[in-house]
N, C-alpha and C. Protein backbone atom coordinates (compact mmCIF):
# COMPACT_ATOMS: atom_id res chain seq x y z
N MET A 1 17.75 4.84 7.50
CA MET A 1 17.04 4.50 6.28
C MET A 1 15.64 3.96 6.58
N ARG A 2 15.55 3.14 7.61
CA ARG A 2 14.26 2.59 7.98
C ARG A 2 13.28 3.72 8.34
N ASP A 3 13.79 4.77 8.97
CA ASP A 3 12.92 5.90 9.34
C ASP A 3 12.35 6.59 8.10
N LEU A 4 13.15 6.70 7.04
CA LEU A 4 12.66 7.31 5.80
C LEU A 4 11.54 6.47 5.19
N VAL A 5 11.74 5.16 5.16
CA VAL A 5 10.73 4.26 4.59
C VAL A 5 9.45 4.30 5.43
N ARG A 6 9.61 4.33 6.74
CA ARG A 6 8.42 4.38 7.60
C ARG A 6 7.73 5.74 7.54
N ALA A 7 8.51 6.80 7.31
CA ALA A 7 7.90 8.13 7.13
C ALA A 7 7.05 8.13 5.87
N ARG A 8 7.50 7.44 4.83
CA ARG A 8 6.71 7.34 3.60
C ARG A 8 5.43 6.56 3.86
N GLU A 9 5.53 5.51 4.66
CA GLU A 9 4.34 4.73 5.03
C GLU A 9 3.34 5.61 5.78
N ASP A 10 3.84 6.43 6.69
CA ASP A 10 2.97 7.35 7.42
C ASP A 10 2.34 8.38 6.49
N ALA A 11 3.13 8.88 5.53
CA ALA A 11 2.60 9.85 4.56
C ALA A 11 1.50 9.23 3.71
N ARG A 12 1.66 7.96 3.34
CA ARG A 12 0.63 7.26 2.58
C ARG A 12 -0.65 7.15 3.40
N ALA A 13 -0.52 6.79 4.67
CA ALA A 13 -1.69 6.67 5.55
C ALA A 13 -2.36 8.03 5.76
N ASP A 14 -1.55 9.08 5.93
CA ASP A 14 -2.10 10.43 6.09
C ASP A 14 -2.88 10.86 4.85
N LEU A 15 -2.32 10.57 3.67
CA LEU A 15 -2.99 10.92 2.42
C LEU A 15 -4.33 10.20 2.31
N MET A 16 -4.34 8.93 2.68
CA MET A 16 -5.58 8.18 2.63
C MET A 16 -6.64 8.79 3.55
N ARG A 17 -6.21 9.19 4.75
CA ARG A 17 -7.15 9.78 5.71
C ARG A 17 -7.75 11.08 5.19
N VAL A 18 -6.90 11.98 4.66
CA VAL A 18 -7.44 13.27 4.20
C VAL A 18 -8.30 13.09 2.96
N ARG A 19 -7.97 12.12 2.11
CA ARG A 19 -8.83 11.84 0.96
C ARG A 19 -10.20 11.37 1.43
N HIS A 20 -10.22 10.49 2.43
CA HIS A 20 -11.50 10.01 2.95
C HIS A 20 -12.32 11.15 3.55
N ARG A 21 -11.65 12.04 4.27
CA ARG A 21 -12.37 13.18 4.86
C ARG A 21 -13.02 14.04 3.77
N LEU A 22 -12.26 14.30 2.71
CA LEU A 22 -12.80 15.11 1.62
C LEU A 22 -13.94 14.38 0.92
N SER A 23 -13.77 13.10 0.68
CA SER A 23 -14.83 12.31 0.03
C SER A 23 -16.11 12.31 0.85
N LYS A 24 -15.97 12.15 2.16
CA LYS A 24 -17.16 12.10 3.02
C LYS A 24 -17.84 13.46 3.11
N LEU A 25 -17.06 14.55 3.09
CA LEU A 25 -17.66 15.88 3.06
C LEU A 25 -18.49 16.05 1.79
N LEU A 26 -17.93 15.65 0.66
CA LEU A 26 -18.66 15.76 -0.60
C LEU A 26 -19.91 14.88 -0.59
N LEU A 27 -19.80 13.70 -0.02
CA LEU A 27 -20.94 12.79 0.05
C LEU A 27 -22.06 13.39 0.91
N ARG A 28 -21.68 14.01 2.02
CA ARG A 28 -22.70 14.65 2.88
C ARG A 28 -23.40 15.78 2.15
N GLN A 29 -22.71 16.41 1.21
CA GLN A 29 -23.29 17.53 0.45
C GLN A 29 -24.00 17.04 -0.82
N GLY A 30 -24.02 15.73 -1.03
CA GLY A 30 -24.70 15.17 -2.20
C GLY A 30 -23.89 15.28 -3.48
N ARG A 31 -22.60 15.50 -3.38
CA ARG A 31 -21.73 15.61 -4.56
C ARG A 31 -21.06 14.26 -4.78
N ILE A 32 -21.42 13.60 -5.87
CA ILE A 32 -20.88 12.28 -6.16
C ILE A 32 -20.16 12.32 -7.50
N TYR A 33 -18.90 11.96 -7.50
CA TYR A 33 -18.09 11.94 -8.72
C TYR A 33 -18.42 10.68 -9.51
N SER A 34 -18.75 10.85 -10.79
CA SER A 34 -19.09 9.70 -11.62
C SER A 34 -18.28 9.66 -12.91
N GLY A 35 -17.12 10.27 -12.88
CA GLY A 35 -16.30 10.35 -14.09
C GLY A 35 -15.22 9.30 -14.21
N GLY A 36 -15.37 8.19 -13.52
CA GLY A 36 -14.36 7.13 -13.59
C GLY A 36 -13.62 6.99 -12.27
N HIS A 37 -12.33 6.68 -12.36
CA HIS A 37 -11.53 6.48 -11.16
C HIS A 37 -11.28 7.79 -10.43
N ALA A 38 -11.30 7.72 -9.12
CA ALA A 38 -11.05 8.91 -8.30
C ALA A 38 -9.55 9.11 -8.11
N TRP A 39 -9.20 10.31 -7.73
CA TRP A 39 -7.84 10.72 -7.37
C TRP A 39 -6.87 10.65 -8.53
N ASN A 40 -7.36 10.99 -9.71
CA ASN A 40 -6.48 11.17 -10.87
C ASN A 40 -6.66 12.61 -11.36
N GLY A 41 -6.08 12.93 -12.50
CA GLY A 41 -6.14 14.30 -13.01
C GLY A 41 -7.55 14.78 -13.30
N VAL A 42 -8.38 13.92 -13.88
CA VAL A 42 -9.76 14.29 -14.20
C VAL A 42 -10.55 14.55 -12.91
N HIS A 43 -10.33 13.71 -11.92
CA HIS A 43 -11.01 13.88 -10.64
C HIS A 43 -10.58 15.18 -9.97
N GLU A 44 -9.30 15.52 -10.08
CA GLU A 44 -8.82 16.77 -9.49
C GLU A 44 -9.47 17.99 -10.16
N VAL A 45 -9.62 17.93 -11.48
CA VAL A 45 -10.31 19.02 -12.19
C VAL A 45 -11.74 19.14 -11.69
N TRP A 46 -12.42 18.01 -11.52
CA TRP A 46 -13.78 18.01 -11.00
C TRP A 46 -13.83 18.62 -9.60
N LEU A 47 -12.86 18.26 -8.76
CA LEU A 47 -12.81 18.81 -7.40
C LEU A 47 -12.63 20.33 -7.42
N ARG A 48 -11.76 20.81 -8.32
CA ARG A 48 -11.50 22.25 -8.40
C ARG A 48 -12.74 23.03 -8.86
N ARG A 49 -13.66 22.38 -9.56
CA ARG A 49 -14.88 23.05 -10.04
C ARG A 49 -15.99 23.09 -9.00
N GLN A 50 -15.82 22.42 -7.88
CA GLN A 50 -16.88 22.37 -6.87
C GLN A 50 -17.02 23.72 -6.18
N ARG A 51 -18.25 24.20 -6.08
CA ARG A 51 -18.56 25.46 -5.40
C ARG A 51 -19.72 25.19 -4.44
N PHE A 52 -19.68 25.88 -3.30
CA PHE A 52 -20.71 25.68 -2.27
C PHE A 52 -21.33 27.02 -1.91
N ASP A 53 -22.65 27.02 -1.69
CA ASP A 53 -23.36 28.24 -1.30
C ASP A 53 -23.02 28.63 0.14
N ASP A 54 -22.92 27.65 0.99
CA ASP A 54 -22.63 27.90 2.40
C ASP A 54 -21.13 28.19 2.58
N THR A 55 -20.80 29.31 3.19
CA THR A 55 -19.39 29.69 3.35
C THR A 55 -18.64 28.75 4.28
N HIS A 56 -19.33 28.19 5.27
CA HIS A 56 -18.68 27.27 6.20
C HIS A 56 -18.32 25.96 5.50
N THR A 57 -19.23 25.48 4.68
CA THR A 57 -18.95 24.26 3.90
C THR A 57 -17.82 24.51 2.92
N ALA A 58 -17.83 25.68 2.29
CA ALA A 58 -16.75 26.03 1.35
C ALA A 58 -15.41 26.09 2.06
N ALA A 59 -15.39 26.64 3.27
CA ALA A 59 -14.14 26.71 4.04
C ALA A 59 -13.65 25.32 4.42
N ALA A 60 -14.58 24.46 4.82
CA ALA A 60 -14.21 23.08 5.17
C ALA A 60 -13.68 22.34 3.94
N PHE A 61 -14.35 22.53 2.80
CA PHE A 61 -13.90 21.90 1.56
C PHE A 61 -12.50 22.37 1.20
N ASP A 62 -12.28 23.69 1.25
CA ASP A 62 -10.95 24.23 0.93
C ASP A 62 -9.88 23.67 1.85
N HIS A 63 -10.21 23.56 3.13
CA HIS A 63 -9.26 23.00 4.09
C HIS A 63 -8.90 21.56 3.73
N HIS A 64 -9.91 20.73 3.47
CA HIS A 64 -9.66 19.33 3.15
C HIS A 64 -8.95 19.17 1.81
N PHE A 65 -9.32 19.98 0.83
CA PHE A 65 -8.67 19.88 -0.47
C PHE A 65 -7.20 20.30 -0.38
N ASP A 66 -6.92 21.37 0.37
CA ASP A 66 -5.53 21.78 0.59
C ASP A 66 -4.74 20.69 1.32
N ALA A 67 -5.40 20.01 2.27
CA ALA A 67 -4.74 18.92 2.99
C ALA A 67 -4.40 17.77 2.05
N VAL A 68 -5.30 17.47 1.11
CA VAL A 68 -5.02 16.42 0.12
C VAL A 68 -3.82 16.81 -0.74
N LEU A 69 -3.80 18.05 -1.20
CA LEU A 69 -2.69 18.50 -2.05
C LEU A 69 -1.36 18.48 -1.30
N SER A 70 -1.35 18.93 -0.06
CA SER A 70 -0.09 18.95 0.69
C SER A 70 0.35 17.54 1.07
N ALA A 71 -0.59 16.65 1.40
CA ALA A 71 -0.24 15.26 1.72
C ALA A 71 0.29 14.55 0.48
N THR A 72 -0.29 14.83 -0.68
CA THR A 72 0.21 14.24 -1.93
C THR A 72 1.62 14.73 -2.22
N ALA A 73 1.86 16.01 -2.03
CA ALA A 73 3.19 16.57 -2.27
C ALA A 73 4.22 15.97 -1.30
N ALA A 74 3.84 15.80 -0.04
CA ALA A 74 4.75 15.21 0.95
C ALA A 74 5.08 13.77 0.59
N ARG A 75 4.07 13.00 0.18
CA ARG A 75 4.32 11.62 -0.22
C ARG A 75 5.22 11.56 -1.45
N ASP A 76 4.99 12.44 -2.42
CA ASP A 76 5.80 12.45 -3.63
C ASP A 76 7.25 12.83 -3.35
N ARG A 77 7.47 13.77 -2.42
CA ARG A 77 8.84 14.14 -2.05
C ARG A 77 9.57 12.95 -1.42
N LEU A 78 8.88 12.23 -0.55
CA LEU A 78 9.48 11.05 0.07
C LEU A 78 9.75 9.97 -0.97
N ASP A 79 8.84 9.81 -1.93
CA ASP A 79 9.06 8.84 -3.01
C ASP A 79 10.33 9.16 -3.78
N GLU A 80 10.52 10.44 -4.11
CA GLU A 80 11.72 10.84 -4.85
C GLU A 80 12.98 10.55 -4.05
N GLN A 81 12.96 10.84 -2.76
CA GLN A 81 14.12 10.56 -1.93
C GLN A 81 14.41 9.07 -1.86
N ILE A 82 13.37 8.26 -1.74
CA ILE A 82 13.56 6.82 -1.63
C ILE A 82 14.10 6.25 -2.94
N VAL A 83 13.59 6.72 -4.07
CA VAL A 83 14.10 6.24 -5.36
C VAL A 83 15.57 6.61 -5.52
N THR A 84 15.95 7.81 -5.08
CA THR A 84 17.35 8.23 -5.15
C THR A 84 18.22 7.34 -4.27
N VAL A 85 17.77 7.07 -3.06
CA VAL A 85 18.54 6.22 -2.14
C VAL A 85 18.62 4.80 -2.67
N ALA A 86 17.52 4.30 -3.25
CA ALA A 86 17.51 2.93 -3.77
C ALA A 86 18.51 2.75 -4.90
N ALA A 87 18.80 3.82 -5.63
CA ALA A 87 19.77 3.74 -6.73
C ALA A 87 21.21 3.91 -6.26
N SER A 88 21.41 4.25 -4.99
CA SER A 88 22.77 4.45 -4.48
C SER A 88 23.50 3.11 -4.41
N PRO A 89 24.83 3.12 -4.49
CA PRO A 89 25.60 1.87 -4.51
C PRO A 89 25.34 0.95 -3.31
N ARG A 90 25.05 1.52 -2.16
CA ARG A 90 24.84 0.69 -0.97
C ARG A 90 23.61 -0.21 -1.10
N TRP A 91 22.55 0.28 -1.75
CA TRP A 91 21.29 -0.45 -1.79
C TRP A 91 20.92 -0.99 -3.17
N ALA A 92 21.55 -0.50 -4.22
CA ALA A 92 21.12 -0.80 -5.59
C ALA A 92 21.09 -2.29 -5.90
N ASP A 93 22.09 -3.04 -5.44
CA ASP A 93 22.16 -4.46 -5.79
C ASP A 93 20.95 -5.23 -5.26
N GLN A 94 20.66 -5.07 -3.98
CA GLN A 94 19.52 -5.80 -3.40
C GLN A 94 18.19 -5.30 -3.95
N VAL A 95 18.07 -4.01 -4.13
CA VAL A 95 16.82 -3.45 -4.66
C VAL A 95 16.59 -3.93 -6.09
N ASP A 96 17.65 -3.99 -6.90
CA ASP A 96 17.51 -4.48 -8.28
C ASP A 96 17.13 -5.95 -8.30
N ARG A 97 17.69 -6.74 -7.41
CA ARG A 97 17.33 -8.16 -7.36
C ARG A 97 15.85 -8.34 -7.00
N LEU A 98 15.39 -7.59 -6.03
CA LEU A 98 13.98 -7.67 -5.67
C LEU A 98 13.09 -7.11 -6.78
N GLY A 99 13.60 -6.13 -7.51
CA GLY A 99 12.85 -5.53 -8.61
C GLY A 99 12.60 -6.49 -9.76
N CYS A 100 13.32 -7.61 -9.80
CA CYS A 100 13.08 -8.63 -10.83
C CYS A 100 11.72 -9.29 -10.63
N LEU A 101 11.19 -9.22 -9.44
CA LEU A 101 9.90 -9.83 -9.15
C LEU A 101 8.78 -8.87 -9.51
N ARG A 102 7.76 -9.39 -10.17
CA ARG A 102 6.62 -8.54 -10.51
C ARG A 102 5.94 -8.05 -9.25
N GLY A 103 5.56 -6.79 -9.25
CA GLY A 103 4.88 -6.22 -8.10
C GLY A 103 5.80 -5.51 -7.13
N ILE A 104 7.11 -5.56 -7.40
CA ILE A 104 8.07 -4.91 -6.49
C ILE A 104 8.80 -3.82 -7.24
N SER A 105 8.60 -2.59 -6.79
CA SER A 105 9.26 -1.42 -7.37
C SER A 105 10.48 -1.07 -6.53
N ALA A 106 11.14 0.02 -6.89
CA ALA A 106 12.30 0.47 -6.12
C ALA A 106 11.87 0.81 -4.69
N LEU A 107 10.72 1.41 -4.54
CA LEU A 107 10.24 1.78 -3.22
C LEU A 107 10.00 0.55 -2.35
N THR A 108 9.30 -0.43 -2.88
CA THR A 108 9.02 -1.65 -2.13
C THR A 108 10.30 -2.43 -1.89
N GLY A 109 11.17 -2.49 -2.90
CA GLY A 109 12.43 -3.20 -2.75
C GLY A 109 13.30 -2.63 -1.65
N LEU A 110 13.40 -1.30 -1.60
CA LEU A 110 14.20 -0.67 -0.55
C LEU A 110 13.55 -0.89 0.81
N ALA A 111 12.24 -0.78 0.88
CA ALA A 111 11.56 -0.98 2.16
C ALA A 111 11.77 -2.40 2.67
N LEU A 112 11.65 -3.39 1.80
CA LEU A 112 11.89 -4.78 2.21
C LEU A 112 13.34 -4.98 2.64
N THR A 113 14.26 -4.37 1.91
CA THR A 113 15.68 -4.52 2.22
C THR A 113 16.01 -3.96 3.59
N VAL A 114 15.53 -2.76 3.89
CA VAL A 114 15.88 -2.17 5.19
C VAL A 114 15.10 -2.79 6.34
N GLU A 115 13.90 -3.27 6.09
CA GLU A 115 13.12 -3.88 7.17
C GLU A 115 13.62 -5.28 7.51
N ILE A 116 13.98 -6.06 6.49
CA ILE A 116 14.41 -7.43 6.74
C ILE A 116 15.88 -7.51 7.11
N GLY A 117 16.69 -6.66 6.52
CA GLY A 117 18.11 -6.68 6.86
C GLY A 117 18.84 -7.81 6.14
N ASP A 118 19.38 -8.74 6.90
CA ASP A 118 20.16 -9.84 6.34
C ASP A 118 19.23 -10.97 5.89
N TRP A 119 19.10 -11.13 4.59
CA TRP A 119 18.19 -12.13 4.03
C TRP A 119 18.70 -13.55 4.24
N THR A 120 20.00 -13.71 4.45
CA THR A 120 20.56 -15.06 4.56
C THR A 120 20.16 -15.75 5.85
N ARG A 121 19.61 -15.04 6.80
CA ARG A 121 19.20 -15.68 8.05
C ARG A 121 17.88 -16.44 7.91
N PHE A 122 17.25 -16.35 6.74
CA PHE A 122 15.96 -17.01 6.53
C PHE A 122 16.06 -18.09 5.46
N THR A 123 15.24 -19.11 5.63
CA THR A 123 15.01 -20.07 4.55
C THR A 123 13.69 -19.67 3.90
N GLY A 124 13.32 -20.37 2.85
CA GLY A 124 12.07 -20.04 2.16
C GLY A 124 10.86 -20.12 3.06
N SER A 125 10.83 -21.08 3.96
CA SER A 125 9.65 -21.22 4.81
C SER A 125 9.73 -20.37 6.08
N SER A 126 10.92 -20.05 6.54
CA SER A 126 11.01 -19.30 7.80
C SER A 126 10.71 -17.82 7.63
N ILE A 127 10.87 -17.27 6.43
CA ILE A 127 10.56 -15.85 6.26
C ILE A 127 9.06 -15.60 6.36
N GLY A 128 8.26 -16.57 5.93
CA GLY A 128 6.81 -16.44 6.07
C GLY A 128 6.40 -16.36 7.53
N ALA A 129 7.06 -17.15 8.37
CA ALA A 129 6.77 -17.10 9.80
C ALA A 129 7.25 -15.79 10.41
N TYR A 130 8.38 -15.28 9.92
CA TYR A 130 8.93 -14.02 10.44
C TYR A 130 7.98 -12.85 10.23
N VAL A 131 7.30 -12.83 9.10
CA VAL A 131 6.40 -11.71 8.82
C VAL A 131 4.93 -12.02 9.14
N GLY A 132 4.65 -13.21 9.63
CA GLY A 132 3.29 -13.54 10.04
C GLY A 132 2.37 -13.94 8.91
N LEU A 133 2.93 -14.54 7.87
CA LEU A 133 2.11 -14.97 6.73
C LEU A 133 1.90 -16.48 6.71
N VAL A 134 1.98 -17.10 7.86
CA VAL A 134 1.72 -18.54 7.96
C VAL A 134 0.40 -18.73 8.71
N PRO A 135 -0.30 -19.83 8.45
CA PRO A 135 -1.60 -20.02 9.11
C PRO A 135 -1.44 -20.42 10.57
N THR A 136 -2.41 -20.04 11.38
CA THR A 136 -2.45 -20.55 12.75
C THR A 136 -2.83 -22.02 12.67
N GLU A 137 -2.39 -22.77 13.65
CA GLU A 137 -2.69 -24.20 13.61
C GLU A 137 -3.00 -24.69 15.01
N TYR A 138 -4.08 -25.43 15.12
CA TYR A 138 -4.48 -26.06 16.37
C TYR A 138 -4.51 -27.55 16.10
N SER A 139 -3.47 -28.26 16.53
CA SER A 139 -3.37 -29.68 16.25
C SER A 139 -3.26 -30.46 17.55
N SER A 140 -3.92 -31.57 17.58
CA SER A 140 -3.85 -32.46 18.73
C SER A 140 -4.20 -33.86 18.26
N GLY A 141 -3.31 -34.77 18.50
CA GLY A 141 -3.56 -36.14 18.10
C GLY A 141 -3.74 -36.24 16.60
N GLY A 142 -4.86 -36.76 16.17
CA GLY A 142 -5.12 -36.94 14.75
C GLY A 142 -5.78 -35.74 14.08
N SER A 143 -6.19 -34.75 14.86
CA SER A 143 -6.88 -33.61 14.25
C SER A 143 -5.89 -32.48 13.95
N ARG A 144 -6.13 -31.82 12.84
CA ARG A 144 -5.29 -30.69 12.43
C ARG A 144 -6.22 -29.59 11.92
N ILE A 145 -6.23 -28.47 12.61
CA ILE A 145 -7.10 -27.36 12.24
C ILE A 145 -6.23 -26.15 11.96
N GLN A 146 -6.37 -25.60 10.74
CA GLN A 146 -5.62 -24.41 10.38
C GLN A 146 -6.57 -23.23 10.29
N GLY A 147 -6.07 -22.08 10.73
CA GLY A 147 -6.90 -20.88 10.72
C GLY A 147 -6.30 -19.81 9.83
N SER A 148 -6.60 -18.57 10.16
CA SER A 148 -6.11 -17.43 9.39
C SER A 148 -4.62 -17.21 9.66
N ILE A 149 -4.02 -16.28 8.93
CA ILE A 149 -2.59 -16.01 9.13
C ILE A 149 -2.37 -15.47 10.55
N THR A 150 -1.17 -15.71 11.08
CA THR A 150 -0.89 -15.37 12.48
C THR A 150 -0.78 -13.87 12.71
N LYS A 151 -0.31 -13.13 11.71
CA LYS A 151 -0.07 -11.69 11.83
C LYS A 151 0.93 -11.37 12.93
N ALA A 152 1.76 -12.35 13.29
CA ALA A 152 2.85 -12.11 14.24
C ALA A 152 4.06 -11.72 13.42
N GLY A 153 4.79 -10.74 13.87
CA GLY A 153 5.99 -10.34 13.13
C GLY A 153 5.87 -8.93 12.61
N ASN A 154 6.71 -8.62 11.64
CA ASN A 154 6.85 -7.27 11.12
C ASN A 154 5.65 -6.92 10.23
N ALA A 155 4.80 -6.03 10.72
CA ALA A 155 3.59 -5.65 10.00
C ALA A 155 3.90 -4.86 8.73
N HIS A 156 4.99 -4.08 8.75
CA HIS A 156 5.36 -3.30 7.57
C HIS A 156 5.72 -4.23 6.41
N VAL A 157 6.54 -5.23 6.69
CA VAL A 157 6.95 -6.17 5.65
C VAL A 157 5.74 -6.97 5.17
N ARG A 158 4.88 -7.38 6.09
CA ARG A 158 3.70 -8.14 5.71
C ARG A 158 2.81 -7.33 4.77
N ARG A 159 2.58 -6.06 5.08
CA ARG A 159 1.75 -5.21 4.22
C ARG A 159 2.38 -5.05 2.84
N LEU A 160 3.71 -4.85 2.80
CA LEU A 160 4.39 -4.69 1.51
C LEU A 160 4.28 -5.96 0.67
N LEU A 161 4.47 -7.11 1.29
CA LEU A 161 4.39 -8.37 0.54
C LEU A 161 2.97 -8.64 0.05
N ILE A 162 1.99 -8.35 0.86
CA ILE A 162 0.60 -8.56 0.45
C ILE A 162 0.23 -7.62 -0.69
N GLU A 163 0.64 -6.36 -0.57
CA GLU A 163 0.35 -5.40 -1.63
C GLU A 163 1.05 -5.80 -2.93
N SER A 164 2.29 -6.27 -2.83
CA SER A 164 3.02 -6.72 -4.02
C SER A 164 2.35 -7.93 -4.66
N ALA A 165 1.84 -8.82 -3.82
CA ALA A 165 1.14 -9.99 -4.35
C ALA A 165 -0.11 -9.58 -5.11
N TRP A 166 -0.82 -8.57 -4.63
CA TRP A 166 -2.00 -8.09 -5.34
C TRP A 166 -1.62 -7.50 -6.70
N HIS A 167 -0.51 -6.77 -6.74
CA HIS A 167 -0.05 -6.22 -8.01
C HIS A 167 0.42 -7.32 -8.95
N HIS A 168 0.96 -8.38 -8.39
CA HIS A 168 1.47 -9.50 -9.19
C HIS A 168 0.35 -10.22 -9.94
N ARG A 169 -0.86 -10.11 -9.45
CA ARG A 169 -1.99 -10.78 -10.08
C ARG A 169 -2.26 -10.30 -11.49
N TRP A 170 -1.99 -9.03 -11.78
CA TRP A 170 -2.35 -8.45 -13.06
C TRP A 170 -1.26 -8.68 -14.09
N TRP A 171 -1.67 -8.72 -15.35
CA TRP A 171 -0.74 -8.90 -16.45
C TRP A 171 0.22 -7.72 -16.47
N CYS A 172 1.48 -8.00 -16.69
CA CYS A 172 2.46 -6.90 -16.60
C CYS A 172 2.49 -6.09 -17.89
N SER A 173 2.81 -4.83 -17.74
CA SER A 173 2.84 -3.89 -18.86
C SER A 173 4.09 -4.08 -19.71
N ARG A 174 4.13 -3.39 -20.83
CA ARG A 174 5.29 -3.46 -21.71
C ARG A 174 6.55 -2.96 -20.99
N ALA A 175 6.41 -1.90 -20.21
CA ALA A 175 7.55 -1.35 -19.46
C ALA A 175 8.05 -2.37 -18.44
N MET A 176 7.14 -3.07 -17.80
CA MET A 176 7.54 -4.07 -16.81
C MET A 176 8.22 -5.25 -17.49
N ARG A 177 7.71 -5.69 -18.63
CA ARG A 177 8.36 -6.79 -19.35
C ARG A 177 9.77 -6.41 -19.76
N SER A 178 9.95 -5.16 -20.18
CA SER A 178 11.29 -4.67 -20.53
C SER A 178 12.20 -4.67 -19.31
N ARG A 179 11.66 -4.25 -18.17
CA ARG A 179 12.43 -4.25 -16.93
C ARG A 179 12.85 -5.66 -16.53
N ILE A 180 11.96 -6.63 -16.72
CA ILE A 180 12.26 -8.02 -16.39
C ILE A 180 13.36 -8.55 -17.30
N ARG A 181 13.27 -8.27 -18.61
CA ARG A 181 14.31 -8.73 -19.54
C ARG A 181 15.67 -8.14 -19.17
N THR A 182 15.70 -6.85 -18.86
CA THR A 182 16.95 -6.20 -18.48
C THR A 182 17.52 -6.82 -17.21
N ALA A 183 16.66 -7.08 -16.24
CA ALA A 183 17.12 -7.67 -14.98
C ALA A 183 17.65 -9.07 -15.21
N ARG A 184 17.01 -9.85 -16.08
CA ARG A 184 17.50 -11.20 -16.36
C ARG A 184 18.85 -11.17 -17.04
N ARG A 185 19.01 -10.24 -18.00
CA ARG A 185 20.31 -10.10 -18.66
C ARG A 185 21.39 -9.73 -17.65
N THR A 186 21.07 -8.81 -16.77
CA THR A 186 22.03 -8.39 -15.75
C THR A 186 22.37 -9.55 -14.83
N ALA A 187 21.36 -10.31 -14.42
CA ALA A 187 21.59 -11.44 -13.52
C ALA A 187 22.43 -12.52 -14.19
N SER A 188 22.17 -12.80 -15.47
CA SER A 188 22.97 -13.82 -16.16
C SER A 188 24.39 -13.34 -16.41
N ALA A 189 24.57 -12.04 -16.61
CA ALA A 189 25.92 -11.51 -16.79
C ALA A 189 26.73 -11.58 -15.49
N LEU A 190 26.04 -11.43 -14.36
CA LEU A 190 26.73 -11.51 -13.07
C LEU A 190 27.06 -12.95 -12.69
N GLY A 191 26.38 -13.89 -13.31
CA GLY A 191 26.66 -15.30 -13.04
C GLY A 191 25.77 -15.81 -12.04
């Protein structure tokens, strides 16, 4: 299971790389998208309308655009598999519990579940140390100096938690509020 989650992480990184390559090719050619957010349906329509006089540039563009489409399809296939696995009886309970927290979807919940394993081995403060989200500290005598986070530990879990925290900052949507209410009802019914 961990391999599936990490394969999805690799697919996400691959997609980011090919998107950057395509963006930089367009930038070198003086093509700048100004229609709002990139990498949505409107942006894809704009990309499909791009034409180049130079055949070599056109071939490079086609190559990079095809790479974006195939990387997106690969990531989406892995997402579907992960959502299916997250709903299976073996993982559903833990994934649903984590899903009660804003910023954590089925994908993130399953990834955290398989990466961390047995949650009971941690206390509230020790899990931060396990994933490297505690500050470095240089203390001697009466002086106490704290620095940046240690980044020691599981980098996959740390990235997932940081990304979830960024999503948690925003006001939740109507669908998310409904999901939270359902999860609370389920939790109270379970006792």
